[in-house]
Amino acid sequence: MAEVVRDRWGDHVVMARGERIDARPLPALVAVAEDGDERVGLLTYRVDSNSLEIVTIDAFERGRGIGSALLGGVIELARMEGVWRVWLITTNDNLDAVAFYLRRGMRLVSVHQNAASWSRQVKPSIAETGHHGITVEDELELELLIYP
C-alpha cells in the first residue's frame, strides 16, 4: 500500500490544509478485480468522532467503476462507524475529481484560498501547475452528510 501511495502521490506524505498526513499507517479499502487476482484501486482514510476523511483515493484504471466502488465502500464504512460526515480535500486544478464527487452527491463546502501554496512550503514537490494547465493554489473541501 505504501508503495502505491508513493508512486501515485509522489510521496507517502500528502498535504491537506497545511497538515502533513502520512498515509502509511492509515486504514485502507482495496478494490480488487472481479477475478480476485488484481488490485485495481486504493482508498486511505481516517476517522474521528463525527467524520471520516478520505485522504487518498486511486482507481488504477478510469471508467470501470473502481472509484465509485471505493467511494461507496467508504460511505458504507462511515455509516457502520456511526459518523455523520464523509469529506476530503482536493486541489483547485483537479476538475475531473470535483465532477466525480459532485455526481455522487458530495457538495463543495469550502475553498481554502492559497492552501496549496502554503502546503508547498512544507512539501516543495507539490506541482505549481496541475491538470488542464491550471495553477495549483487553492484546496477545495467536499463533503457528504450521512443521515441515520
C-alpha atoms as a PDB file:
ATOM      1  CA  MET A   1       0.000   0.000   0.000  1.00  0.00           C
ATOM      2  CA  ALA A   2       2.763   2.461   0.904  1.00  0.00           C
ATOM      3  CA  GLU A   3       4.416   1.837  -2.468  1.00  0.00           C
ATOM      4  CA  VAL A   4       1.168   2.540  -4.324  1.00  0.00           C
ATOM      5  CA  VAL A   5       0.629   5.806  -2.445  1.00  0.00           C
ATOM      6  CA  ARG A   6       4.231   6.872  -3.055  1.00  0.00           C
ATOM      7  CA  ASP A   7       4.034   6.029  -6.761  1.00  0.00           C
ATOM      8  CA  ARG A   8       0.682   7.759  -7.308  1.00  0.00           C
ATOM      9  CA  TRP A   9       1.141  10.750  -4.979  1.00  0.00           C
ATOM     10  CA  GLY A  10       4.907  11.251  -5.254  1.00  0.00           C
ATOM     11  CA  ASP A  11       5.431  10.539  -1.557  1.00  0.00           C
ATOM     12  CA  HIS A  12       3.832   8.644   1.310  1.00  0.00           C
ATOM     13  CA  VAL A  13       3.078  12.055   2.864  1.00  0.00           C
ATOM     14  CA  VAL A  14       0.178  14.065   1.475  1.00  0.00           C
ATOM     15  CA  MET A  15      -0.781  17.587   2.457  1.00  0.00           C
ATOM     16  CA  ALA A  16      -4.208  18.960   3.345  1.00  0.00           C
ATOM     17  CA  ARG A  17      -4.808  22.405   4.815  1.00  0.00           C
ATOM     18  CA  GLY A  18      -1.159  22.678   5.823  1.00  0.00           C
ATOM     19  CA  GLU A  19      -1.113  19.333   7.633  1.00  0.00           C
ATOM     20  CA  ARG A  20       1.362  16.612   6.722  1.00  0.00           C
ATOM     21  CA  ILE A  21      -0.521  13.322   6.623  1.00  0.00           C
ATOM     22  CA  ASP A  22       1.474  10.099   6.488  1.00  0.00           C
ATOM     23  CA  ALA A  23      -0.719   7.658   4.552  1.00  0.00           C
ATOM     24  CA  ARG A  24       1.300   4.569   5.547  1.00  0.00           C
ATOM     25  CA  PRO A  25      -0.366   3.830   8.904  1.00  0.00           C
ATOM     26  CA  LEU A  26      -3.885   4.756   7.758  1.00  0.00           C
ATOM     27  CA  PRO A  27      -6.621   2.186   7.297  1.00  0.00           C
ATOM     28  CA  ALA A  28      -7.475   1.497   3.665  1.00  0.00           C
ATOM     29  CA  LEU A  29     -10.008  -0.012   1.337  1.00  0.00           C
ATOM     30  CA  VAL A  30      -8.595  -2.019  -1.549  1.00  0.00           C
ATOM     31  CA  ALA A  31     -10.586  -2.627  -4.721  1.00  0.00           C
ATOM     32  CA  VAL A  32      -9.914  -6.000  -6.285  1.00  0.00           C
ATOM     33  CA  ALA A  33     -10.760  -7.091  -9.837  1.00  0.00           C
ATOM     34  CA  GLU A  34     -13.749  -9.388 -10.223  1.00  0.00           C
ATOM     35  CA  ASP A  35     -11.462 -12.393 -10.741  1.00  0.00           C
ATOM     36  CA  GLY A  36      -9.843 -11.579  -7.392  1.00  0.00           C
ATOM     37  CA  ASP A  37      -6.308 -11.665  -8.765  1.00  0.00           C
ATOM     38  CA  GLU A  38      -5.540  -7.997  -9.254  1.00  0.00           C
ATOM     39  CA  ARG A  39      -5.725  -4.898  -7.064  1.00  0.00           C
ATOM     40  CA  VAL A  40      -7.406  -2.156  -9.064  1.00  0.00           C
ATOM     41  CA  GLY A  41      -7.839   0.665  -6.551  1.00  0.00           C
ATOM     42  CA  LEU A  42      -6.942   2.003  -3.133  1.00  0.00           C
ATOM     43  CA  LEU A  43      -8.534   4.474  -0.727  1.00  0.00           C
ATOM     44  CA  THR A  44      -6.958   5.587   2.554  1.00  0.00           C
ATOM     45  CA  TYR A  45      -8.940   7.321   5.260  1.00  0.00           C
ATOM     46  CA  ARG A  46      -9.039   8.412   8.861  1.00  0.00           C
ATOM     47  CA  VAL A  47     -11.955   8.645  11.266  1.00  0.00           C
ATOM     48  CA  ASP A  48     -12.566  10.983  14.163  1.00  0.00           C
ATOM     49  CA  SER A  49     -15.573  11.209  16.477  1.00  0.00           C
ATOM     50  CA  ASN A  50     -18.014  12.509  13.866  1.00  0.00           C
ATOM     51  CA  SER A  51     -16.418  12.314  10.423  1.00  0.00           C
ATOM     52  CA  LEU A  52     -14.455  10.193   8.018  1.00  0.00           C
ATOM     53  CA  GLU A  53     -11.828  11.918   5.901  1.00  0.00           C
ATOM     54  CA  ILE A  54     -10.784  10.397   2.602  1.00  0.00           C
ATOM     55  CA  VAL A  55      -7.044  11.016   2.480  1.00  0.00           C
ATOM     56  CA  THR A  56      -6.178   9.336  -0.837  1.00  0.00           C
ATOM     57  CA  ILE A  57      -8.261   7.632  -3.490  1.00  0.00           C
ATOM     58  CA  ASP A  58      -6.913   5.972  -6.606  1.00  0.00           C
ATOM     59  CA  ALA A  59      -8.586   3.930  -9.319  1.00  0.00           C
ATOM     60  CA  PHE A  60      -5.798   2.350 -11.341  1.00  0.00           C
ATOM     61  CA  GLU A  61      -7.984   2.387 -14.476  1.00  0.00           C
ATOM     62  CA  ARG A  62     -10.548   5.055 -15.270  1.00  0.00           C
ATOM     63  CA  GLY A  63     -14.090   4.368 -16.395  1.00  0.00           C
ATOM     64  CA  ARG A  64     -14.507   0.933 -14.804  1.00  0.00           C
ATOM     65  CA  GLY A  65     -16.437   1.988 -11.690  1.00  0.00           C
ATOM     66  CA  ILE A  66     -13.482   1.457  -9.377  1.00  0.00           C
ATOM     67  CA  GLY A  67     -13.586   4.945  -7.850  1.00  0.00           C
ATOM     68  CA  SER A  68     -17.354   4.672  -7.419  1.00  0.00           C
ATOM     69  CA  ALA A  69     -16.954   1.327  -5.677  1.00  0.00           C
ATOM     70  CA  LEU A  70     -14.298   2.714  -3.331  1.00  0.00           C
ATOM     71  CA  LEU A  71     -16.394   5.779  -2.536  1.00  0.00           C
ATOM     72  CA  GLY A  72     -19.491   3.640  -1.955  1.00  0.00           C
ATOM     73  CA  GLY A  73     -17.494   1.318   0.282  1.00  0.00           C
ATOM     74  CA  VAL A  74     -16.135   4.118   2.425  1.00  0.00           C
ATOM     75  CA  ILE A  75     -19.599   5.687   2.758  1.00  0.00           C
ATOM     76  CA  GLU A  76     -20.923   2.341   3.986  1.00  0.00           C
ATOM     77  CA  LEU A  77     -17.977   2.116   6.387  1.00  0.00           C
ATOM     78  CA  ALA A  78     -18.788   5.604   7.693  1.00  0.00           C
ATOM     79  CA  ARG A  79     -22.369   4.505   8.364  1.00  0.00           C
ATOM     80  CA  MET A  80     -21.109   1.478  10.279  1.00  0.00           C
ATOM     81  CA  GLU A  81     -18.732   3.721  12.261  1.00  0.00           C
ATOM     82  CA  GLY A  82     -21.659   5.993  13.143  1.00  0.00           C
ATOM     83  CA  VAL A  83     -20.140   9.154  11.716  1.00  0.00           C
ATOM     84  CA  TRP A  84     -22.284  11.780  10.005  1.00  0.00           C
ATOM     85  CA  ARG A  85     -19.824  13.289   7.528  1.00  0.00           C
ATOM     86  CA  VAL A  86     -17.531  11.959   4.786  1.00  0.00           C
ATOM     87  CA  TRP A  87     -15.176  14.606   3.463  1.00  0.00           C
ATOM     88  CA  LEU A  88     -11.994  15.218   1.519  1.00  0.00           C
ATOM     89  CA  ILE A  89      -9.649  17.866   0.228  1.00  0.00           C
ATOM     90  CA  THR A  90      -8.506  18.217  -3.385  1.00  0.00           C
ATOM     91  CA  THR A  91      -6.743  20.979  -5.248  1.00  0.00           C
ATOM     92  CA  ASN A  92      -8.337  23.607  -7.471  1.00  0.00           C
ATOM     93  CA  ASP A  93      -6.896  22.068 -10.654  1.00  0.00           C
ATOM     94  CA  ASN A  94      -8.487  18.662 -10.110  1.00  0.00           C
ATOM     95  CA  LEU A  95     -11.686  19.408 -12.027  1.00  0.00           C
ATOM     96  CA  ASP A  96     -12.254  15.792 -13.070  1.00  0.00           C
ATOM     97  CA  ALA A  97     -12.214  14.720  -9.420  1.00  0.00           C
ATOM     98  CA  VAL A  98     -14.555  17.541  -8.412  1.00  0.00           C
ATOM     99  CA  ALA A  99     -17.026  16.481 -11.114  1.00  0.00           C
ATOM    100  CA  PHE A 100     -16.707  12.840  -9.995  1.00  0.00           C
ATOM    101  CA  TYR A 101     -17.568  13.714  -6.382  1.00  0.00           C
ATOM    102  CA  LEU A 102     -20.392  16.104  -7.266  1.00  0.00           C
ATOM    103  CA  ARG A 103     -22.033  13.470  -9.487  1.00  0.00           C
ATOM    104  CA  ARG A 104     -22.013  11.127  -6.488  1.00  0.00           C
ATOM    105  CA  GLY A 105     -23.778  13.508  -4.134  1.00  0.00           C
ATOM    106  CA  MET A 106     -20.903  15.299  -2.457  1.00  0.00           C
ATOM    107  CA  ARG A 107     -21.060  19.070  -2.133  1.00  0.00           C
ATOM    108  CA  LEU A 108     -18.378  21.700  -2.381  1.00  0.00           C
ATOM    109  CA  VAL A 109     -18.402  23.326   1.047  1.00  0.00           C
ATOM    110  CA  SER A 110     -15.247  25.394   1.212  1.00  0.00           C
ATOM    111  CA  VAL A 111     -12.425  26.893  -0.786  1.00  0.00           C
ATOM    112  CA  HIS A 112      -9.253  27.241   1.253  1.00  0.00           C
ATOM    113  CA  GLN A 113      -7.536  30.030  -0.638  1.00  0.00           C
ATOM    114  CA  ASN A 114      -3.774  29.698  -1.095  1.00  0.00           C
ATOM    115  CA  ALA A 115      -3.706  26.489   0.984  1.00  0.00           C
ATOM    116  CA  ALA A 116      -1.828  24.569  -1.721  1.00  0.00           C
ATOM    117  CA  SER A 117       0.677  27.399  -1.933  1.00  0.00           C
ATOM    118  CA  TRP A 118       1.235  27.207   1.835  1.00  0.00           C
ATOM    119  CA  SER A 119       1.480  23.411   1.720  1.00  0.00           C
ATOM    120  CA  ARG A 120       4.163  23.750  -0.951  1.00  0.00           C
ATOM    121  CA  GLN A 121       6.355  25.493   1.641  1.00  0.00           C
ATOM    122  CA  VAL A 122       6.296  22.259   3.669  1.00  0.00           C
ATOM    123  CA  LYS A 123       6.294  19.894   0.679  1.00  0.00           C
ATOM    124  CA  PRO A 124       8.067  21.600  -2.238  1.00  0.00           C
ATOM    125  CA  SER A 125       7.332  18.673  -4.589  1.00  0.00           C
ATOM    126  CA  ILE A 126       3.707  19.856  -4.964  1.00  0.00           C
ATOM    127  CA  ALA A 127       3.467  20.948  -8.590  1.00  0.00           C
ATOM    128  CA  GLU A 128       2.985  24.600  -9.440  1.00  0.00           C
ATOM    129  CA  THR A 129       0.853  23.701 -12.458  1.00  0.00           C
ATOM    130  CA  GLY A 130      -1.604  20.829 -12.421  1.00  0.00           C
ATOM    131  CA  HIS A 131      -4.355  19.294 -14.504  1.00  0.00           C
ATOM    132  CA  HIS A 132      -5.600  21.276 -17.511  1.00  0.00           C
ATOM    133  CA  GLY A 133      -2.652  23.688 -17.155  1.00  0.00           C
ATOM    134  CA  ILE A 134      -4.246  25.275 -14.060  1.00  0.00           C
ATOM    135  CA  THR A 135      -2.021  26.858 -11.410  1.00  0.00           C
ATOM    136  CA  VAL A 136      -2.323  24.852  -8.180  1.00  0.00           C
ATOM    137  CA  GLU A 137      -3.145  27.401  -5.472  1.00  0.00           C
ATOM    138  CA  ASP A 138      -6.251  26.506  -3.504  1.00  0.00           C
ATOM    139  CA  GLU A 139      -7.694  23.473  -1.783  1.00  0.00           C
ATOM    140  CA  LEU A 140     -11.331  22.535  -2.209  1.00  0.00           C
ATOM    141  CA  GLU A 141     -13.246  20.789   0.562  1.00  0.00           C
ATOM    142  CA  LEU A 142     -16.092  18.489  -0.432  1.00  0.00           C
ATOM    143  CA  GLU A 143     -18.412  16.599   1.884  1.00  0.00           C
ATOM    144  CA  LEU A 144     -21.293  14.189   2.003  1.00  0.00           C
ATOM    145  CA  LEU A 145     -23.561  14.292   5.034  1.00  0.00           C
ATOM    146  CA  ILE A 146     -24.862  10.922   6.123  1.00  0.00           C
ATOM    147  CA  TYR A 147     -28.216  10.799   7.794  1.00  0.00           C
ATOM    148  CA  PRO A 148     -29.251   7.955  10.070  1.00  0.00           C
END
